Each structure stands twice: as C-alpha cells, then as structure tokens.
Amino acid sequence: FLPKLQFLKQHPDFSALPIIVDVDM
C-alpha cells in the first residue's frame, strides 16, 4: 500500500489532497 504513493505523488494536485486511512492502524 505505501508504494502507491510513488505514483500518486506524480499527480499535480497531490500535495494538497488528503489521504484516507484507517484510524486503528
């Protein structure tokens, strides 16, 4: 799951977007 960030970071709006995660991680 964490490696998905290497692709998402290429999106021009990524730095402003929130990431949805499980509170119980």
PDB file of all heavy atoms in Angstrom:
ATOM      1  N   PHE A   1       0.808  -1.220   0.000  1.00  0.00           N
ATOM      2  CA  PHE A   1       0.000   0.000   0.000  1.00  0.00           C
ATOM      3  C   PHE A   1       0.841   1.270   0.000  1.00  0.00           C
ATOM      4  O   PHE A   1       0.566   2.197  -0.768  1.00  0.00           O
ATOM      5  CB  PHE A   1      -0.970  -0.015   1.175  1.00  0.00           C
ATOM      6  CG  PHE A   1      -2.082  -1.004   1.009  1.00  0.00           C
ATOM      7  CD1 PHE A   1      -1.958  -2.296   1.477  1.00  0.00           C
ATOM      8  CD2 PHE A   1      -3.240  -0.654   0.335  1.00  0.00           C
ATOM      9  CE1 PHE A   1      -2.969  -3.222   1.290  1.00  0.00           C
ATOM     10  CE2 PHE A   1      -4.263  -1.561   0.153  1.00  0.00           C
ATOM     11  CZ  PHE A   1      -4.125  -2.857   0.630  1.00  0.00           C
ATOM     12  N   LEU A   2       1.864   1.335   0.847  1.00  0.00           N
ATOM     13  CA  LEU A   2       2.689   2.551   0.864  1.00  0.00           C
ATOM     14  C   LEU A   2       3.354   2.844  -0.483  1.00  0.00           C
ATOM     15  O   LEU A   2       3.481   4.013  -0.858  1.00  0.00           O
ATOM     16  CB  LEU A   2       3.742   2.455   1.966  1.00  0.00           C
ATOM     17  CG  LEU A   2       3.245   2.736   3.396  1.00  0.00           C
ATOM     18  CD1 LEU A   2       4.396   2.585   4.385  1.00  0.00           C
ATOM     19  CD2 LEU A   2       2.637   4.124   3.505  1.00  0.00           C
ATOM     20  N   PRO A   3       3.817   1.835  -1.247  1.00  0.00           N
ATOM     21  CA  PRO A   3       4.433   2.144  -2.547  1.00  0.00           C
ATOM     22  C   PRO A   3       3.502   2.831  -3.542  1.00  0.00           C
ATOM     23  O   PRO A   3       3.976   3.402  -4.531  1.00  0.00           O
ATOM     24  CB  PRO A   3       4.868   0.767  -3.069  1.00  0.00           C
ATOM     25  CG  PRO A   3       5.084  -0.035  -1.849  1.00  0.00           C
ATOM     26  CD  PRO A   3       4.000   0.416  -0.901  1.00  0.00           C
ATOM     27  N   LYS A   4       2.186   2.796  -3.292  1.00  0.00           N
ATOM     28  CA  LYS A   4       1.266   3.513  -4.184  1.00  0.00           C
ATOM     29  C   LYS A   4       1.565   5.006  -4.199  1.00  0.00           C
ATOM     30  O   LYS A   4       1.242   5.704  -5.159  1.00  0.00           O
ATOM     31  CB  LYS A   4      -0.180   3.279  -3.740  1.00  0.00           C
ATOM     32  CG  LYS A   4      -0.639   1.826  -3.843  1.00  0.00           C
ATOM     33  CD  LYS A   4      -2.094   1.691  -3.425  1.00  0.00           C
ATOM     34  CE  LYS A   4      -2.555   0.243  -3.557  1.00  0.00           C
ATOM     35  NZ  LYS A   4      -4.006   0.105  -3.371  1.00  0.00           N
ATOM     36  N   LEU A   5       2.192   5.483  -3.118  1.00  0.00           N
ATOM     37  CA  LEU A   5       2.495   6.915  -3.039  1.00  0.00           C
ATOM     38  C   LEU A   5       3.449   7.367  -4.135  1.00  0.00           C
ATOM     39  O   LEU A   5       3.406   8.520  -4.563  1.00  0.00           O
ATOM     40  CB  LEU A   5       3.104   7.242  -1.669  1.00  0.00           C
ATOM     41  CG  LEU A   5       2.156   7.152  -0.475  1.00  0.00           C
ATOM     42  CD1 LEU A   5       2.937   7.264   0.820  1.00  0.00           C
ATOM     43  CD2 LEU A   5       1.097   8.247  -0.559  1.00  0.00           C
ATOM     44  N   GLN A   6       4.327   6.460  -4.601  1.00  0.00           N
ATOM     45  CA  GLN A   6       5.270   6.879  -5.638  1.00  0.00           C
ATOM     46  C   GLN A   6       4.558   7.227  -6.938  1.00  0.00           C
ATOM     47  O   GLN A   6       5.060   8.025  -7.726  1.00  0.00           O
ATOM     48  CB  GLN A   6       6.327   5.792  -5.873  1.00  0.00           C
ATOM     49  CG  GLN A   6       5.796   4.495  -6.454  1.00  0.00           C
ATOM     50  CD  GLN A   6       6.871   3.440  -6.595  1.00  0.00           C
ATOM     51  OE1 GLN A   6       7.957   3.717  -7.099  1.00  0.00           O
ATOM     52  NE2 GLN A   6       6.594   2.219  -6.150  1.00  0.00           N
ATOM     53  N   PHE A   7       3.368   6.663  -7.139  1.00  0.00           N
ATOM     54  CA  PHE A   7       2.568   7.007  -8.318  1.00  0.00           C
ATOM     55  C   PHE A   7       1.676   8.212  -8.040  1.00  0.00           C
ATOM     56  O   PHE A   7       1.548   9.121  -8.856  1.00  0.00           O
ATOM     57  CB  PHE A   7       1.729   5.807  -8.759  1.00  0.00           C
ATOM     58  CG  PHE A   7       2.530   4.562  -8.991  1.00  0.00           C
ATOM     59  CD1 PHE A   7       2.407   3.471  -8.161  1.00  0.00           C
ATOM     60  CD2 PHE A   7       3.443   4.499 -10.033  1.00  0.00           C
ATOM     61  CE1 PHE A   7       3.152   2.328  -8.366  1.00  0.00           C
ATOM     62  CE2 PHE A   7       4.202   3.361 -10.249  1.00  0.00           C
ATOM     63  CZ  PHE A   7       4.055   2.268  -9.407  1.00  0.00           C
ATOM     64  N   LEU A   8       1.048   8.209  -6.875  1.00  0.00           N
ATOM     65  CA  LEU A   8       0.153   9.309  -6.525  1.00  0.00           C
ATOM     66  C   LEU A   8       0.895  10.641  -6.464  1.00  0.00           C
ATOM     67  O   LEU A   8       0.339  11.693  -6.797  1.00  0.00           O
ATOM     68  CB  LEU A   8      -0.520   9.017  -5.180  1.00  0.00           C
ATOM     69  CG  LEU A   8      -1.528   7.864  -5.187  1.00  0.00           C
ATOM     70  CD1 LEU A   8      -1.942   7.508  -3.770  1.00  0.00           C
ATOM     71  CD2 LEU A   8      -2.744   8.208  -6.034  1.00  0.00           C
ATOM     72  N   LYS A   9       2.162  10.595  -6.046  1.00  0.00           N
ATOM     73  CA  LYS A   9       2.941  11.833  -5.947  1.00  0.00           C
ATOM     74  C   LYS A   9       3.158  12.501  -7.303  1.00  0.00           C
ATOM     75  O   LYS A   9       3.528  13.673  -7.372  1.00  0.00           O
ATOM     76  CB  LYS A   9       4.294  11.544  -5.293  1.00  0.00           C
ATOM     77  CG  LYS A   9       4.225  11.381  -3.785  1.00  0.00           C
ATOM     78  CD  LYS A   9       5.619  11.213  -3.175  1.00  0.00           C
ATOM     79  CE  LYS A   9       5.561  11.232  -1.668  1.00  0.00           C
ATOM     80  NZ  LYS A   9       6.906  11.156  -1.062  1.00  0.00           N
ATOM     81  N   GLN A  10       2.944  11.760  -8.378  1.00  0.00           N
ATOM     82  CA  GLN A  10       3.130  12.330  -9.711  1.00  0.00           C
ATOM     83  C   GLN A  10       1.913  13.150 -10.154  1.00  0.00           C
ATOM     84  O   GLN A  10       1.971  13.834 -11.169  1.00  0.00           O
ATOM     85  CB  GLN A  10       3.408  11.209 -10.719  1.00  0.00           C
ATOM     86  CG  GLN A  10       4.678  10.429 -10.410  1.00  0.00           C
ATOM     87  CD  GLN A  10       4.912   9.290 -11.367  1.00  0.00           C
ATOM     88  OE1 GLN A  10       4.734   9.438 -12.586  1.00  0.00           O
ATOM     89  NE2 GLN A  10       5.308   8.144 -10.852  1.00  0.00           N
ATOM     90  N   HIS A  11       0.825  13.067  -9.393  1.00  0.00           N
ATOM     91  CA  HIS A  11      -0.363  13.843  -9.733  1.00  0.00           C
ATOM     92  C   HIS A  11      -0.125  15.312  -9.373  1.00  0.00           C
ATOM     93  O   HIS A  11       0.382  15.614  -8.285  1.00  0.00           O
ATOM     94  CB  HIS A  11      -1.579  13.306  -8.977  1.00  0.00           C
ATOM     95  CG  HIS A  11      -2.881  13.824  -9.490  1.00  0.00           C
ATOM     96  ND1 HIS A  11      -3.357  15.085  -9.186  1.00  0.00           N
ATOM     97  CD2 HIS A  11      -3.810  13.261 -10.313  1.00  0.00           C
ATOM     98  CE1 HIS A  11      -4.508  15.272  -9.783  1.00  0.00           C
ATOM     99  NE2 HIS A  11      -4.817  14.177 -10.470  1.00  0.00           N
ATOM    100  N   PRO A  12      -0.469  16.251 -10.235  1.00  0.00           N
ATOM    101  CA  PRO A  12      -0.165  17.671  -9.979  1.00  0.00           C
ATOM    102  C   PRO A  12      -0.837  18.243  -8.733  1.00  0.00           C
ATOM    103  O   PRO A  12      -0.354  19.217  -8.167  1.00  0.00           O
ATOM    104  CB  PRO A  12      -0.657  18.374 -11.250  1.00  0.00           C
ATOM    105  CG  PRO A  12      -1.615  17.424 -11.890  1.00  0.00           C
ATOM    106  CD  PRO A  12      -1.098  16.059 -11.565  1.00  0.00           C
ATOM    107  N   ASP A  13      -1.949  17.636  -8.306  1.00  0.00           N
ATOM    108  CA  ASP A  13      -2.655  18.151  -7.130  1.00  0.00           C
ATOM    109  C   ASP A  13      -2.347  17.379  -5.849  1.00  0.00           C
ATOM    110  O   ASP A  13      -2.942  17.647  -4.810  1.00  0.00           O
ATOM    111  CB  ASP A  13      -4.183  18.091  -7.362  1.00  0.00           C
ATOM    112  CG  ASP A  13      -4.617  18.946  -8.532  1.00  0.00           C
ATOM    113  OD1 ASP A  13      -3.913  19.931  -8.825  1.00  0.00           O
ATOM    114  OD2 ASP A  13      -5.652  18.622  -9.144  1.00  0.00           O
ATOM    115  N   PHE A  14      -1.415  16.447  -5.930  1.00  0.00           N
ATOM    116  CA  PHE A  14      -1.253  15.504  -4.817  1.00  0.00           C
ATOM    117  C   PHE A  14      -0.939  16.187  -3.485  1.00  0.00           C
ATOM    118  O   PHE A  14      -1.488  15.827  -2.444  1.00  0.00           O
ATOM    119  CB  PHE A  14      -0.154  14.482  -5.125  1.00  0.00           C
ATOM    120  CG  PHE A  14       0.115  13.549  -3.972  1.00  0.00           C
ATOM    121  CD1 PHE A  14      -0.780  12.551  -3.652  1.00  0.00           C
ATOM    122  CD2 PHE A  14       1.256  13.697  -3.188  1.00  0.00           C
ATOM    123  CE1 PHE A  14      -0.554  11.705  -2.574  1.00  0.00           C
ATOM    124  CE2 PHE A  14       1.490  12.853  -2.110  1.00  0.00           C
ATOM    125  CZ  PHE A  14       0.588  11.857  -1.808  1.00  0.00           C
ATOM    126  N   SER A  15      -0.069  17.161  -3.486  1.00  0.00           N
ATOM    127  CA  SER A  15       0.373  17.753  -2.218  1.00  0.00           C
ATOM    128  C   SER A  15      -0.771  18.377  -1.430  1.00  0.00           C
ATOM    129  O   SER A  15      -0.688  18.540  -0.211  1.00  0.00           O
ATOM    130  CB  SER A  15       1.455  18.809  -2.479  1.00  0.00           C
ATOM    131  OG  SER A  15       0.950  19.843  -3.301  1.00  0.00           O
ATOM    132  N   ALA A  16      -1.856  18.722  -2.115  1.00  0.00           N
ATOM    133  CA  ALA A  16      -2.998  19.363  -1.442  1.00  0.00           C
ATOM    134  C   ALA A  16      -4.102  18.373  -1.093  1.00  0.00           C
ATOM    135  O   ALA A  16      -5.100  18.759  -0.480  1.00  0.00           O
ATOM    136  CB  ALA A  16      -3.571  20.467  -2.330  1.00  0.00           C
ATOM    137  N   LEU A  17      -3.932  17.118  -1.466  1.00  0.00           N
ATOM    138  CA  LEU A  17      -5.007  16.139  -1.277  1.00  0.00           C
ATOM    139  C   LEU A  17      -4.842  15.379   0.037  1.00  0.00           C
ATOM    140  O   LEU A  17      -3.737  14.959   0.391  1.00  0.00           O
ATOM    141  CB  LEU A  17      -5.023  15.143  -2.438  1.00  0.00           C
ATOM    142  CG  LEU A  17      -5.334  15.725  -3.819  1.00  0.00           C
ATOM    143  CD1 LEU A  17      -5.234  14.640  -4.875  1.00  0.00           C
ATOM    144  CD2 LEU A  17      -6.732  16.345  -3.828  1.00  0.00           C
ATOM    145  N   PRO A  18      -5.922  15.162   0.774  1.00  0.00           N
ATOM    146  CA  PRO A  18      -5.844  14.341   1.991  1.00  0.00           C
ATOM    147  C   PRO A  18      -5.776  12.860   1.639  1.00  0.00           C
ATOM    148  O   PRO A  18      -6.229  12.440   0.578  1.00  0.00           O
ATOM    149  CB  PRO A  18      -7.140  14.679   2.725  1.00  0.00           C
ATOM    150  CG  PRO A  18      -8.091  15.035   1.630  1.00  0.00           C
ATOM    151  CD  PRO A  18      -7.264  15.705   0.556  1.00  0.00           C
ATOM    152  N   ILE A  19      -5.204  12.081   2.548  1.00  0.00           N
ATOM    153  CA  ILE A  19      -5.105  10.631   2.383  1.00  0.00           C
ATOM    154  C   ILE A  19      -6.050   9.981   3.381  1.00  0.00           C
ATOM    155  O   ILE A  19      -6.029  10.303   4.570  1.00  0.00           O
ATOM    156  CB  ILE A  19      -3.664  10.149   2.617  1.00  0.00           C
ATOM    157  CG1 ILE A  19      -2.728  10.803   1.587  1.00  0.00           C
ATOM    158  CG2 ILE A  19      -3.580   8.634   2.515  1.00  0.00           C
ATOM    159  CD1 ILE A  19      -1.259  10.490   1.825  1.00  0.00           C
ATOM    160  N   ILE A  20      -6.880   9.074   2.896  1.00  0.00           N
ATOM    161  CA  ILE A  20      -7.842   8.384   3.760  1.00  0.00           C
ATOM    162  C   ILE A  20      -7.186   7.136   4.333  1.00  0.00           C
ATOM    163  O   ILE A  20      -6.708   6.273   3.579  1.00  0.00           O
ATOM    164  CB  ILE A  20      -9.104   7.992   2.971  1.00  0.00           C
ATOM    165  CG1 ILE A  20      -9.712   9.223   2.280  1.00  0.00           C
ATOM    166  CG2 ILE A  20     -10.127   7.329   3.887  1.00  0.00           C
ATOM    167  CD1 ILE A  20     -10.789   8.866   1.264  1.00  0.00           C
ATOM    168  N   VAL A  21      -7.155   7.029   5.658  1.00  0.00           N
ATOM    169  CA  VAL A  21      -6.540   5.870   6.308  1.00  0.00           C
ATOM    170  C   VAL A  21      -7.424   5.381   7.447  1.00  0.00           C
ATOM    171  O   VAL A  21      -8.280   6.106   7.953  1.00  0.00           O
ATOM    172  CB  VAL A  21      -5.130   6.215   6.866  1.00  0.00           C
ATOM    173  CG1 VAL A  21      -4.177   6.559   5.741  1.00  0.00           C
ATOM    174  CG2 VAL A  21      -5.204   7.350   7.864  1.00  0.00           C
ATOM    175  N   ASP A  22      -7.186   4.160   7.851  1.00  0.00           N
ATOM    176  CA  ASP A  22      -7.894   3.532   8.960  1.00  0.00           C
ATOM    177  C   ASP A  22      -7.372   4.112  10.276  1.00  0.00           C
ATOM    178  O   ASP A  22      -6.174   4.068  10.555  1.00  0.00           O
ATOM    179  CB  ASP A  22      -7.635   2.021   8.883  1.00  0.00           C
ATOM    180  CG  ASP A  22      -8.224   1.263  10.048  1.00  0.00           C
ATOM    181  OD1 ASP A  22      -8.984   1.849  10.826  1.00  0.00           O
ATOM    182  OD2 ASP A  22      -7.913   0.060  10.165  1.00  0.00           O
ATOM    183  N   VAL A  23      -8.252   4.633  11.104  1.00  0.00           N
ATOM    184  CA  VAL A  23      -7.847   5.239  12.371  1.00  0.00           C
ATOM    185  C   VAL A  23      -7.201   4.224  13.307  1.00  0.00           C
ATOM    186  O   VAL A  23      -6.408   4.569  14.188  1.00  0.00           O
ATOM    187  CB  VAL A  23      -9.049   5.915  13.057  1.00  0.00           C
ATOM    188  CG1 VAL A  23     -10.045   4.871  13.555  1.00  0.00           C
ATOM    189  CG2 VAL A  23      -8.596   6.815  14.191  1.00  0.00           C
ATOM    190  N   ASP A  24      -7.507   2.933  13.122  1.00  0.00           N
ATOM    191  CA  ASP A  24      -6.995   1.887  14.006  1.00  0.00           C
ATOM    192  C   ASP A  24      -5.683   1.277  13.535  1.00  0.00           C
ATOM    193  O   ASP A  24      -5.245   0.253  14.073  1.00  0.00           O
ATOM    194  CB  ASP A  24      -8.044   0.779  14.165  1.00  0.00           C
ATOM    195  CG  ASP A  24      -9.287   1.275  14.893  1.00  0.00           C
ATOM    196  OD1 ASP A  24      -9.130   2.098  15.814  1.00  0.00           O
ATOM    197  OD2 ASP A  24     -10.402   0.837  14.549  1.00  0.00           O
ATOM    198  N   MET A  25      -5.051   1.863  12.535  1.00  0.00           N
ATOM    199  CA  MET A  25      -3.744   1.351  12.119  1.00  0.00           C
ATOM    200  C   MET A  25      -2.756   1.436  13.282  1.00  0.00           C
ATOM    201  O   MET A  25      -2.814   2.368  14.086  1.00  0.00           O
ATOM    202  CB  MET A  25      -3.174   2.163  10.948  1.00  0.00           C
ATOM    203  CG  MET A  25      -3.832   1.937   9.619  1.00  0.00           C
ATOM    204  SD  MET A  25      -2.806   2.524   8.237  1.00  0.00           S
ATOM    205  CE  MET A  25      -2.391   4.205   8.719  1.00  0.00           C
TER     206      MET A  25
END
